[in-house]
Amino acid sequence: MSAASPADTERRVRLLARARELRRGDPVPSPCNSVCRIEPATGLCAGCLRDLDEIAHWSGWGDAERRATWLRIEQRASRLPA
């Protein structure tokens, strides 16, 4: 990913906050925030940091798979430049 814009940084902050909330056992929401743009360099959506496989399978997954996806999103977001 290229240098983060202020909007990208804010989205990452919100994604991290949502990912951390899931640890409390809340219902598992979709990480989609309607940005829906795959970054060629990473293969990840610029908005929700999911890859195409995660996006395609989300609706068929149960809570365990969804929580695992959120953990990967949290890890990805924490590694991105601010």
PDB file of N, CA and C in Angstrom:
ATOM      1  N   MET A   1       0.824  -1.179   0.000  1.00  0.00           N
ATOM      2  CA  MET A   1       0.000   0.000   0.000  1.00  0.00           C
ATOM      3  C   MET A   1       0.869   1.242   0.000  1.00  0.00           C
ATOM      4  N   SER A   2       0.429   2.277  -0.642  1.00  0.00           N
ATOM      5  CA  SER A   2       1.161   3.528  -0.675  1.00  0.00           C
ATOM      6  C   SER A   2       0.956   4.274   0.635  1.00  0.00           C
ATOM      7  N   ALA A   3       1.557   5.459   0.730  1.00  0.00           N
ATOM      8  CA  ALA A   3       1.432   6.262   1.945  1.00  0.00           C
ATOM      9  C   ALA A   3      -0.040   6.449   2.286  1.00  0.00           C
ATOM     10  N   ALA A   4      -0.333   6.345   3.561  1.00  0.00           N
ATOM     11  CA  ALA A   4      -1.719   6.417   4.014  1.00  0.00           C
ATOM     12  C   ALA A   4      -2.228   7.849   4.012  1.00  0.00           C
ATOM     13  N   SER A   5      -3.418   8.021   3.468  1.00  0.00           N
ATOM     14  CA  SER A   5      -4.076   9.324   3.527  1.00  0.00           C
ATOM     15  C   SER A   5      -4.729   9.451   4.901  1.00  0.00           C
ATOM     16  N   PRO A   6      -5.114  10.661   5.310  1.00  0.00           N
ATOM     17  CA  PRO A   6      -5.820  10.804   6.591  1.00  0.00           C
ATOM     18  C   PRO A   6      -7.079   9.931   6.654  1.00  0.00           C
ATOM     19  N   ALA A   7      -7.796   9.814   5.549  1.00  0.00           N
ATOM     20  CA  ALA A   7      -9.004   8.978   5.539  1.00  0.00           C
ATOM     21  C   ALA A   7      -8.647   7.505   5.724  1.00  0.00           C
ATOM     22  N   ASP A   8      -7.558   7.049   5.078  1.00  0.00           N
ATOM     23  CA  ASP A   8      -7.113   5.664   5.245  1.00  0.00           C
ATOM     24  C   ASP A   8      -6.719   5.400   6.691  1.00  0.00           C
ATOM     25  N   THR A   9      -5.995   6.333   7.277  1.00  0.00           N
ATOM     26  CA  THR A   9      -5.570   6.189   8.662  1.00  0.00           C
ATOM     27  C   THR A   9      -6.776   6.104   9.585  1.00  0.00           C
ATOM     28  N   GLU A  10      -7.761   6.951   9.383  1.00  0.00           N
ATOM     29  CA  GLU A  10      -8.970   6.936  10.211  1.00  0.00           C
ATOM     30  C   GLU A  10      -9.721   5.617  10.060  1.00  0.00           C
ATOM     31  N   ARG A  11      -9.816   5.094   8.840  1.00  0.00           N
ATOM     32  CA  ARG A  11     -10.475   3.800   8.630  1.00  0.00           C
ATOM     33  C   ARG A  11      -9.744   2.692   9.381  1.00  0.00           C
ATOM     34  N   ARG A  12      -8.423   2.720   9.355  1.00  0.00           N
ATOM     35  CA  ARG A  12      -7.644   1.697  10.061  1.00  0.00           C
ATOM     36  C   ARG A  12      -7.858   1.787  11.562  1.00  0.00           C
ATOM     37  N   VAL A  13      -7.905   2.994  12.083  1.00  0.00           N
ATOM     38  CA  VAL A  13      -8.147   3.184  13.515  1.00  0.00           C
ATOM     39  C   VAL A  13      -9.512   2.599  13.887  1.00  0.00           C
ATOM     40  N   ARG A  14     -10.529   2.882  13.069  1.00  0.00           N
ATOM     41  CA  ARG A  14     -11.872   2.345  13.342  1.00  0.00           C
ATOM     42  C   ARG A  14     -11.893   0.821  13.227  1.00  0.00           C
ATOM     43  N   LEU A  15     -11.197   0.271  12.224  1.00  0.00           N
ATOM     44  CA  LEU A  15     -11.139  -1.185  12.076  1.00  0.00           C
ATOM     45  C   LEU A  15     -10.491  -1.837  13.292  1.00  0.00           C
ATOM     46  N   LEU A  16      -9.391  -1.262  13.765  1.00  0.00           N
ATOM     47  CA  LEU A  16      -8.723  -1.810  14.946  1.00  0.00           C
ATOM     48  C   LEU A  16      -9.637  -1.760  16.161  1.00  0.00           C
ATOM     49  N   ALA A  17     -10.352  -0.656  16.343  1.00  0.00           N
ATOM     50  CA  ALA A  17     -11.272  -0.532  17.475  1.00  0.00           C
ATOM     51  C   ALA A  17     -12.375  -1.582  17.388  1.00  0.00           C
ATOM     52  N   ARG A  18     -12.926  -1.776  16.194  1.00  0.00           N
ATOM     53  CA  ARG A  18     -13.984  -2.777  16.023  1.00  0.00           C
ATOM     54  C   ARG A  18     -13.446  -4.179  16.269  1.00  0.00           C
ATOM     55  N   ALA A  19     -12.236  -4.455  15.798  1.00  0.00           N
ATOM     56  CA  ALA A  19     -11.638  -5.777  15.995  1.00  0.00           C
ATOM     57  C   ALA A  19     -11.449  -6.057  17.479  1.00  0.00           C
ATOM     58  N   ARG A  20     -11.016  -5.081  18.225  1.00  0.00           N
ATOM     59  CA  ARG A  20     -10.796  -5.263  19.664  1.00  0.00           C
ATOM     60  C   ARG A  20     -12.109  -5.458  20.412  1.00  0.00           C
ATOM     61  N   GLU A  21     -13.179  -4.838  19.955  1.00  0.00           N
ATOM     62  CA  GLU A  21     -14.487  -5.010  20.589  1.00  0.00           C
ATOM     63  C   GLU A  21     -14.980  -6.447  20.477  1.00  0.00           C
ATOM     64  N   LEU A  22     -14.613  -7.145  19.429  1.00  0.00           N
ATOM     65  CA  LEU A  22     -15.077  -8.513  19.220  1.00  0.00           C
ATOM     66  C   LEU A  22     -14.569  -9.465  20.284  1.00  0.00           C
ATOM     67  N   ARG A  23     -13.535  -9.113  20.943  1.00  0.00           N
ATOM     68  CA  ARG A  23     -12.983  -9.965  21.989  1.00  0.00           C
ATOM     69  C   ARG A  23     -13.948 -10.116  23.155  1.00  0.00           C
ATOM     70  N   ARG A  24     -14.920  -9.222  23.245  1.00  0.00           N
ATOM     71  CA  ARG A  24     -15.874  -9.273  24.348  1.00  0.00           C
ATOM     72  C   ARG A  24     -17.040 -10.203  24.063  1.00  0.00           C
ATOM     73  N   GLY A  25     -17.052 -10.849  22.920  1.00  0.00           N
ATOM     74  CA  GLY A  25     -18.119 -11.777  22.595  1.00  0.00           C
ATOM     75  C   GLY A  25     -19.319 -11.145  21.923  1.00  0.00           C
ATOM     76  N   ASP A  26     -19.166  -9.931  21.435  1.00  0.00           N
ATOM     77  CA  ASP A  26     -20.251  -9.267  20.722  1.00  0.00           C
ATOM     78  C   ASP A  26     -20.579 -10.025  19.437  1.00  0.00           C
ATOM     79  N   PRO A  27     -21.768  -9.801  18.860  1.00  0.00           N
ATOM     80  CA  PRO A  27     -22.055 -10.378  17.543  1.00  0.00           C
ATOM     81  C   PRO A  27     -20.980  -9.942  16.543  1.00  0.00           C
ATOM     82  N   VAL A  28     -20.718 -10.767  15.559  1.00  0.00           N
ATOM     83  CA  VAL A  28     -19.619 -10.509  14.631  1.00  0.00           C
ATOM     84  C   VAL A  28     -20.124  -9.717  13.423  1.00  0.00           C
ATOM     85  N   PRO A  29     -19.829  -8.411  13.384  1.00  0.00           N
ATOM     86  CA  PRO A  29     -20.275  -7.588  12.257  1.00  0.00           C
ATOM     87  C   PRO A  29     -19.332  -7.727  11.064  1.00  0.00           C
ATOM     88  N   SER A  30     -19.829  -7.370   9.917  1.00  0.00           N
ATOM     89  CA  SER A  30     -18.983  -7.336   8.727  1.00  0.00           C
ATOM     90  C   SER A  30     -18.012  -6.163   8.846  1.00  0.00           C
ATOM     91  N   PRO A  31     -16.763  -6.360   8.442  1.00  0.00           N
ATOM     92  CA  PRO A  31     -15.806  -5.256   8.461  1.00  0.00           C
ATOM     93  C   PRO A  31     -15.975  -4.297   7.284  1.00  0.00           C
ATOM     94  N   CYS A  32     -16.865  -4.609   6.358  1.00  0.00           N
ATOM     95  CA  CYS A  32     -17.047  -3.771   5.167  1.00  0.00           C
ATOM     96  C   CYS A  32     -17.462  -2.358   5.566  1.00  0.00           C
ATOM     97  N   ASN A  33     -16.794  -1.377   4.962  1.00  0.00           N
ATOM     98  CA  ASN A  33     -17.156   0.022   5.195  1.00  0.00           C
ATOM     99  C   ASN A  33     -17.399   0.747   3.872  1.00  0.00           C
ATOM    100  N   SER A  34     -17.735  -0.023   2.854  1.00  0.00           N
ATOM    101  CA  SER A  34     -18.147   0.478   1.530  1.00  0.00           C
ATOM    102  C   SER A  34     -17.061   1.206   0.751  1.00  0.00           C
ATOM    103  N   VAL A  35     -15.801   0.921   1.039  1.00  0.00           N
ATOM    104  CA  VAL A  35     -14.716   1.473   0.229  1.00  0.00           C
ATOM    105  C   VAL A  35     -14.491   0.557  -0.974  1.00  0.00           C
ATOM    106  N   CYS A  36     -14.401  -0.730  -0.758  1.00  0.00           N
ATOM    107  CA  CYS A  36     -14.400  -1.763  -1.805  1.00  0.00           C
ATOM    108  C   CYS A  36     -13.439  -1.476  -2.956  1.00  0.00           C
ATOM    109  N   ARG A  37     -12.164  -1.389  -2.627  1.00  0.00           N
ATOM    110  CA  ARG A  37     -11.126  -1.169  -3.640  1.00  0.00           C
ATOM    111  C   ARG A  37      -9.942  -2.077  -3.296  1.00  0.00           C
ATOM    112  N   ILE A  38      -9.660  -3.033  -4.165  1.00  0.00           N
ATOM    113  CA  ILE A  38      -8.547  -3.952  -3.936  1.00  0.00           C
ATOM    114  C   ILE A  38      -7.247  -3.270  -4.340  1.00  0.00           C
ATOM    115  N   GLU A  39      -6.301  -3.245  -3.415  1.00  0.00           N
ATOM    116  CA  GLU A  39      -4.980  -2.672  -3.672  1.00  0.00           C
ATOM    117  C   GLU A  39      -4.141  -3.721  -4.403  1.00  0.00           C
ATOM    118  N   PRO A  40      -3.682  -3.431  -5.622  1.00  0.00           N
ATOM    119  CA  PRO A  40      -2.903  -4.411  -6.384  1.00  0.00           C
ATOM    120  C   PRO A  40      -1.641  -4.886  -5.660  1.00  0.00           C
ATOM    121  N   ALA A  41      -1.003  -4.016  -4.915  1.00  0.00           N
ATOM    122  CA  ALA A  41       0.256  -4.375  -4.259  1.00  0.00           C
ATOM    123  C   ALA A  41       0.069  -5.395  -3.140  1.00  0.00           C
ATOM    124  N   THR A  42      -1.093  -5.382  -2.489  1.00  0.00           N
ATOM    125  CA  THR A  42      -1.310  -6.264  -1.343  1.00  0.00           C
ATOM    126  C   THR A  42      -2.381  -7.318  -1.575  1.00  0.00           C
ATOM    127  N   GLY A  43      -3.281  -7.073  -2.521  1.00  0.00           N
ATOM    128  CA  GLY A  43      -4.409  -7.969  -2.724  1.00  0.00           C
ATOM    129  C   GLY A  43      -5.487  -7.808  -1.671  1.00  0.00           C
ATOM    130  N   LEU A  44      -5.391  -6.740  -0.887  1.00  0.00           N
ATOM    131  CA  LEU A  44      -6.355  -6.481   0.183  1.00  0.00           C
ATOM    132  C   LEU A  44      -7.253  -5.311  -0.172  1.00  0.00           C
ATOM    133  N   CYS A  45      -8.472  -5.349   0.336  1.00  0.00           N
ATOM    134  CA  CYS A  45      -9.378  -4.217   0.177  1.00  0.00           C
ATOM    135  C   CYS A  45      -8.826  -3.046   0.987  1.00  0.00           C
ATOM    136  N   ALA A  46      -8.776  -1.875   0.381  1.00  0.00           N
ATOM    137  CA  ALA A  46      -8.266  -0.686   1.067  1.00  0.00           C
ATOM    138  C   ALA A  46      -9.163  -0.273   2.222  1.00  0.00           C
ATOM    139  N   GLY A  47     -10.429  -0.648   2.175  1.00  0.00           N
ATOM    140  CA  GLY A  47     -11.362  -0.251   3.224  1.00  0.00           C
ATOM    141  C   GLY A  47     -11.393  -1.183   4.413  1.00  0.00           C
ATOM    142  N   CYS A  48     -11.487  -2.489   4.157  1.00  0.00           N
ATOM    143  CA  CYS A  48     -11.671  -3.432   5.270  1.00  0.00           C
ATOM    144  C   CYS A  48     -10.479  -4.362   5.499  1.00  0.00           C
ATOM    145  N   LEU A  49      -9.485  -4.293   4.651  1.00  0.00           N
ATOM    146  CA  LEU A  49      -8.261  -5.091   4.761  1.00  0.00           C
ATOM    147  C   LEU A  49      -8.497  -6.596   4.659  1.00  0.00           C
ATOM    148  N   ARG A  50      -9.573  -6.988   3.973  1.00  0.00           N
ATOM    149  CA  ARG A  50      -9.787  -8.410   3.703  1.00  0.00           C
ATOM    150  C   ARG A  50      -9.285  -8.729   2.300  1.00  0.00           C
ATOM    151  N   ASP A  51      -8.899 -10.004   2.101  1.00  0.00           N
ATOM    152  CA  ASP A  51      -8.550 -10.420   0.744  1.00  0.00           C
ATOM    153  C   ASP A  51      -9.821 -10.903   0.042  1.00  0.00           C
ATOM    154  N   LEU A  52      -9.710 -11.180  -1.248  1.00  0.00           N
ATOM    155  CA  LEU A  52     -10.895 -11.561  -2.019  1.00  0.00           C
ATOM    156  C   LEU A  52     -11.545 -12.845  -1.505  1.00  0.00           C
ATOM    157  N   ASP A  53     -10.758 -13.794  -1.042  1.00  0.00           N
ATOM    158  CA  ASP A  53     -11.304 -15.037  -0.502  1.00  0.00           C
ATOM    159  C   ASP A  53     -12.142 -14.756   0.747  1.00  0.00           C
ATOM    160  N   GLU A  54     -11.623 -13.921   1.630  1.00  0.00           N
ATOM    161  CA  GLU A  54     -12.359 -13.580   2.852  1.00  0.00           C
ATOM    162  C   GLU A  54     -13.655 -12.839   2.528  1.00  0.00           C
ATOM    163  N   ILE A  55     -13.595 -11.946   1.558  1.00  0.00           N
ATOM    164  CA  ILE A  55     -14.792 -11.197   1.155  1.00  0.00           C
ATOM    165  C   ILE A  55     -15.832 -12.155   0.570  1.00  0.00           C
ATOM    166  N   ALA A  56     -15.396 -13.036  -0.312  1.00  0.00           N
ATOM    167  CA  ALA A  56     -16.316 -13.953  -0.991  1.00  0.00           C
ATOM    168  C   ALA A  56     -16.985 -14.934  -0.035  1.00  0.00           C
ATOM    169  N   HIS A  57     -16.271 -15.374   0.993  1.00  0.00           N
ATOM    170  CA  HIS A  57     -16.799 -16.399   1.893  1.00  0.00           C
ATOM    171  C   HIS A  57     -17.498 -15.850   3.133  1.00  0.00           C
ATOM    172  N   TRP A  58     -17.388 -14.568   3.397  1.00  0.00           N
ATOM    173  CA  TRP A  58     -17.898 -13.983   4.642  1.00  0.00           C
ATOM    174  C   TRP A  58     -19.337 -14.402   4.951  1.00  0.00           C
ATOM    175  N   SER A  59     -20.226 -14.275   3.995  1.00  0.00           N
ATOM    176  CA  SER A  59     -21.648 -14.523   4.270  1.00  0.00           C
ATOM    177  C   SER A  59     -21.940 -15.984   4.617  1.00  0.00           C
ATOM    178  N   GLY A  60     -21.091 -16.899   4.203  1.00  0.00           N
ATOM    179  CA  GLY A  60     -21.301 -18.308   4.509  1.00  0.00           C
ATOM    180  C   GLY A  60     -20.584 -18.785   5.757  1.00  0.00           C
ATOM    181  N   TRP A  61     -19.748 -17.955   6.319  1.00  0.00           N
ATOM    182  CA  TRP A  61     -18.974 -18.344   7.491  1.00  0.00           C
ATOM    183  C   TRP A  61     -19.753 -18.153   8.781  1.00  0.00           C
ATOM    184  N   GLY A  62     -19.417 -18.981   9.758  1.00  0.00           N
ATOM    185  CA  GLY A  62     -19.961 -18.838  11.105  1.00  0.00           C
ATOM    186  C   GLY A  62     -19.110 -17.868  11.908  1.00  0.00           C
ATOM    187  N   ASP A  63     -19.495 -17.695  13.168  1.00  0.00           N
ATOM    188  CA  ASP A  63     -18.796 -16.738  14.026  1.00  0.00           C
ATOM    189  C   ASP A  63     -17.311 -17.044  14.192  1.00  0.00           C
ATOM    190  N   ALA A  64     -16.934 -18.318  14.270  1.00  0.00           N
ATOM    191  CA  ALA A  64     -15.519 -18.660  14.475  1.00  0.00           C
ATOM    192  C   ALA A  64     -14.660 -18.170  13.317  1.00  0.00           C
ATOM    193  N   GLU A  65     -15.103 -18.425  12.099  1.00  0.00           N
ATOM    194  CA  GLU A  65     -14.340 -17.976  10.936  1.00  0.00           C
ATOM    195  C   GLU A  65     -14.330 -16.453  10.841  1.00  0.00           C
ATOM    196  N   ARG A  66     -15.454 -15.846  11.168  1.00  0.00           N
ATOM    197  CA  ARG A  66     -15.528 -14.384  11.120  1.00  0.00           C
ATOM    198  C   ARG A  66     -14.604 -13.753  12.158  1.00  0.00           C
ATOM    199  N   ARG A  67     -14.567 -14.318  13.362  1.00  0.00           N
ATOM    200  CA  ARG A  67     -13.655 -13.793  14.387  1.00  0.00           C
ATOM    201  C   ARG A  67     -12.199 -13.968  13.954  1.00  0.00           C
ATOM    202  N   ALA A  68     -11.886 -15.094  13.339  1.00  0.00           N
ATOM    203  CA  ALA A  68     -10.522 -15.325  12.848  1.00  0.00           C
ATOM    204  C   ALA A  68     -10.158 -14.294  11.785  1.00  0.00           C
ATOM    205  N   THR A  69     -11.115 -13.956  10.938  1.00  0.00           N
ATOM    206  CA  THR A  69     -10.871 -12.931   9.919  1.00  0.00           C
ATOM    207  C   THR A  69     -10.611 -11.587  10.576  1.00  0.00           C
ATOM    208  N   TRP A  70     -11.398 -11.246  11.584  1.00  0.00           N
ATOM    209  CA  TRP A  70     -11.176  -9.984  12.299  1.00  0.00           C
ATOM    210  C   TRP A  70      -9.789  -9.952  12.947  1.00  0.00           C
ATOM    211  N   LEU A  71      -9.316 -11.083  13.461  1.00  0.00           N
ATOM    212  CA  LEU A  71      -7.966 -11.119  14.038  1.00  0.00           C
ATOM    213  C   LEU A  71      -6.916 -10.840  12.966  1.00  0.00           C
ATOM    214  N   ARG A  72      -7.104 -11.413  11.779  1.00  0.00           N
ATOM    215  CA  ARG A  72      -6.168 -11.137  10.685  1.00  0.00           C
ATOM    216  C   ARG A  72      -6.231  -9.663  10.284  1.00  0.00           C
ATOM    217  N   ILE A  73      -7.429  -9.097  10.249  1.00  0.00           N
ATOM    218  CA  ILE A  73      -7.580  -7.672   9.925  1.00  0.00           C
ATOM    219  C   ILE A  73      -6.830  -6.831  10.951  1.00  0.00           C
ATOM    220  N   GLU A  74      -6.985  -7.169  12.213  1.00  0.00           N
ATOM    221  CA  GLU A  74      -6.293  -6.426  13.273  1.00  0.00           C
ATOM    222  C   GLU A  74      -4.779  -6.500  13.084  1.00  0.00           C
ATOM    223  N   GLN A  75      -4.272  -7.675  12.778  1.00  0.00           N
ATOM    224  CA  GLN A  75      -2.833  -7.835  12.552  1.00  0.00           C
ATOM    225  C   GLN A  75      -2.377  -7.024  11.347  1.00  0.00           C
ATOM    226  N   ARG A  76      -3.142  -7.082  10.280  1.00  0.00           N
ATOM    227  CA  ARG A  76      -2.786  -6.321   9.071  1.00  0.00           C
ATOM    228  C   ARG A  76      -2.796  -4.824   9.350  1.00  0.00           C
ATOM    229  N   ALA A  77      -3.832  -4.353  10.010  1.00  0.00           N
ATOM    230  CA  ALA A  77      -3.957  -2.918  10.286  1.00  0.00           C
ATOM    231  C   ALA A  77      -2.825  -2.424  11.178  1.00  0.00           C
ATOM    232  N   SER A  78      -2.407  -3.236  12.128  1.00  0.00           N
ATOM    233  CA  SER A  78      -1.347  -2.805  13.040  1.00  0.00           C
ATOM    234  C   SER A  78       0.015  -2.741  12.353  1.00  0.00           C
ATOM    235  N   ARG A  79       0.176  -3.447  11.226  1.00  0.00           N
ATOM    236  CA  ARG A  79       1.454  -3.429  10.492  1.00  0.00           C
ATOM    237  C   ARG A  79       1.537  -2.323   9.448  1.00  0.00           C
ATOM    238  N   LEU A  80       0.416  -1.697   9.133  1.00  0.00           N
ATOM    239  CA  LEU A  80       0.412  -0.663   8.092  1.00  0.00           C
ATOM    240  C   LEU A  80       0.966   0.650   8.621  1.00  0.00           C
ATOM    241  N   PRO A  81       1.627   1.418   7.746  1.00  0.00           N
ATOM    242  CA  PRO A  81       2.152   2.715   8.187  1.00  0.00           C
ATOM    243  C   PRO A  81       1.012   3.663   8.550  1.00  0.00           C
ATOM    244  N   ALA A  82       1.280   4.491   9.524  1.00  0.00           N
ATOM    245  CA  ALA A  82       0.266   5.471   9.962  1.00  0.00           C
ATOM    246  C   ALA A  82       0.179   6.617   8.990  1.00  0.00           C
TER     247      ALA A  82
END
